């Protein structure tokens, strides 16, 4: 899923999705690639959600 597709799915601007993904990458929960997002810490991501 591209960032544009993800933005459309959640109803947010692509720029906001990019900011959120970069933050999640900074704290080590995901790795953002050119056309993909890899979850590095699923449990951490679940905790982050709460």
N, C-alpha and C. Protein backbone atom coordinates (compact mmCIF):
# COMPACT_ATOMS: atom_id res chain seq x y z
N UNK A 1 0.85 -1.18 0.00
CA UNK A 1 0.00 0.00 0.00
C UNK A 1 0.89 1.23 0.00
N UNK A 2 0.65 2.12 -0.93
CA UNK A 2 1.43 3.36 -0.97
C UNK A 2 0.91 4.32 0.10
N UNK A 3 1.70 5.34 0.38
CA UNK A 3 1.26 6.35 1.35
C UNK A 3 0.01 7.06 0.85
N UNK A 4 -0.10 7.26 -0.46
CA UNK A 4 -1.30 7.89 -1.04
C UNK A 4 -2.52 7.00 -0.82
N UNK A 5 -2.37 5.71 -1.05
CA UNK A 5 -3.48 4.77 -0.84
C UNK A 5 -3.85 4.71 0.64
N UNK A 6 -2.86 4.68 1.51
CA UNK A 6 -3.11 4.66 2.94
C UNK A 6 -3.85 5.93 3.37
N UNK A 7 -3.43 7.05 2.85
CA UNK A 7 -4.09 8.33 3.16
C UNK A 7 -5.55 8.29 2.74
N UNK A 8 -5.82 7.75 1.57
CA UNK A 8 -7.20 7.64 1.10
C UNK A 8 -8.01 6.72 1.99
N UNK A 9 -7.40 5.63 2.44
CA UNK A 9 -8.11 4.68 3.31
C UNK A 9 -8.51 5.30 4.64
N UNK A 10 -7.63 6.12 5.21
CA UNK A 10 -7.92 6.69 6.53
C UNK A 10 -8.51 8.09 6.46
N UNK A 11 -8.61 8.64 5.25
CA UNK A 11 -9.24 9.94 5.09
C UNK A 11 -8.40 11.11 5.55
N UNK A 12 -7.09 10.99 5.41
CA UNK A 12 -6.17 12.07 5.80
C UNK A 12 -5.33 12.49 4.60
N UNK A 13 -4.79 13.70 4.64
CA UNK A 13 -3.87 14.10 3.57
C UNK A 13 -2.61 13.24 3.59
N UNK A 14 -2.04 12.98 2.43
CA UNK A 14 -0.83 12.17 2.33
C UNK A 14 0.29 12.72 3.19
N UNK A 15 0.40 14.05 3.27
CA UNK A 15 1.46 14.67 4.06
C UNK A 15 1.32 14.30 5.54
N UNK A 16 0.10 14.25 6.04
CA UNK A 16 -0.12 13.90 7.45
C UNK A 16 0.23 12.44 7.71
N UNK A 17 -0.13 11.58 6.77
CA UNK A 17 0.22 10.17 6.88
C UNK A 17 1.74 10.01 6.87
N UNK A 18 2.40 10.76 6.01
CA UNK A 18 3.86 10.72 5.94
C UNK A 18 4.47 11.13 7.27
N UNK A 19 3.96 12.20 7.88
CA UNK A 19 4.47 12.66 9.18
C UNK A 19 4.30 11.57 10.24
N UNK A 20 3.13 10.96 10.26
CA UNK A 20 2.86 9.92 11.25
C UNK A 20 3.77 8.71 11.05
N UNK A 21 3.96 8.31 9.79
CA UNK A 21 4.84 7.18 9.51
C UNK A 21 6.28 7.49 9.89
N UNK A 22 6.72 8.70 9.62
CA UNK A 22 8.10 9.09 9.97
C UNK A 22 8.28 9.06 11.49
N UNK A 23 7.26 9.49 12.23
CA UNK A 23 7.34 9.44 13.69
C UNK A 23 7.44 7.99 14.16
N UNK A 24 6.59 7.13 13.60
CA UNK A 24 6.64 5.72 13.98
C UNK A 24 7.98 5.09 13.62
N UNK A 25 8.58 5.56 12.53
CA UNK A 25 9.90 5.07 12.14
C UNK A 25 10.96 5.57 13.13
N UNK A 26 10.85 6.81 13.54
CA UNK A 26 11.81 7.39 14.49
C UNK A 26 11.84 6.62 15.81
N UNK A 27 10.67 6.18 16.26
CA UNK A 27 10.62 5.45 17.53
C UNK A 27 10.82 3.95 17.35
N UNK A 28 11.13 3.52 16.12
CA UNK A 28 11.52 2.14 15.87
C UNK A 28 10.40 1.14 15.69
N UNK A 29 9.20 1.63 15.42
CA UNK A 29 8.08 0.71 15.27
C UNK A 29 7.89 0.22 13.84
N UNK A 30 8.25 1.04 12.87
CA UNK A 30 8.11 0.67 11.46
C UNK A 30 9.34 1.11 10.68
N UNK A 31 9.48 0.55 9.47
CA UNK A 31 10.49 1.02 8.53
C UNK A 31 9.73 1.44 7.27
N UNK A 32 9.95 2.66 6.83
CA UNK A 32 9.25 3.20 5.67
C UNK A 32 10.15 3.07 4.45
N UNK A 33 9.64 2.38 3.43
CA UNK A 33 10.35 2.24 2.17
C UNK A 33 9.69 3.07 1.09
N UNK A 34 10.17 2.90 -0.13
CA UNK A 34 9.63 3.67 -1.24
C UNK A 34 8.16 3.37 -1.47
N UNK A 35 7.80 2.09 -1.51
CA UNK A 35 6.40 1.72 -1.75
C UNK A 35 5.86 0.77 -0.69
N UNK A 36 6.51 0.75 0.46
CA UNK A 36 6.03 -0.16 1.49
C UNK A 36 6.35 0.36 2.88
N UNK A 37 5.63 -0.19 3.83
CA UNK A 37 5.87 0.07 5.25
C UNK A 37 6.02 -1.28 5.91
N UNK A 38 7.13 -1.49 6.60
CA UNK A 38 7.38 -2.75 7.29
C UNK A 38 7.21 -2.53 8.79
N UNK A 39 6.37 -3.34 9.40
CA UNK A 39 6.19 -3.27 10.85
C UNK A 39 7.35 -4.00 11.51
N UNK A 40 8.09 -3.29 12.34
CA UNK A 40 9.24 -3.86 13.03
C UNK A 40 8.89 -4.37 14.42
N UNK A 41 7.90 -3.75 15.05
CA UNK A 41 7.54 -4.10 16.42
C UNK A 41 6.02 -4.05 16.55
N UNK A 42 5.36 -5.17 16.25
CA UNK A 42 3.90 -5.22 16.26
C UNK A 42 3.34 -4.94 17.64
N UNK A 43 3.92 -5.54 18.67
CA UNK A 43 3.43 -5.31 20.03
C UNK A 43 3.60 -3.84 20.43
N UNK A 44 4.73 -3.26 20.07
CA UNK A 44 4.94 -1.84 20.35
C UNK A 44 3.95 -0.97 19.62
N UNK A 45 3.62 -1.34 18.39
CA UNK A 45 2.65 -0.58 17.60
C UNK A 45 1.26 -0.69 18.23
N UNK A 46 0.92 -1.86 18.73
CA UNK A 46 -0.36 -2.04 19.42
C UNK A 46 -0.42 -1.18 20.68
N UNK A 47 0.68 -1.14 21.44
CA UNK A 47 0.72 -0.31 22.65
C UNK A 47 0.64 1.17 22.27
N UNK A 48 1.30 1.56 21.20
CA UNK A 48 1.29 2.95 20.75
C UNK A 48 -0.13 3.39 20.41
N UNK A 49 -0.91 2.48 19.88
CA UNK A 49 -2.29 2.76 19.49
C UNK A 49 -3.13 3.19 20.69
N UNK A 50 -2.83 2.62 21.85
CA UNK A 50 -3.62 2.90 23.05
C UNK A 50 -3.10 4.13 23.67
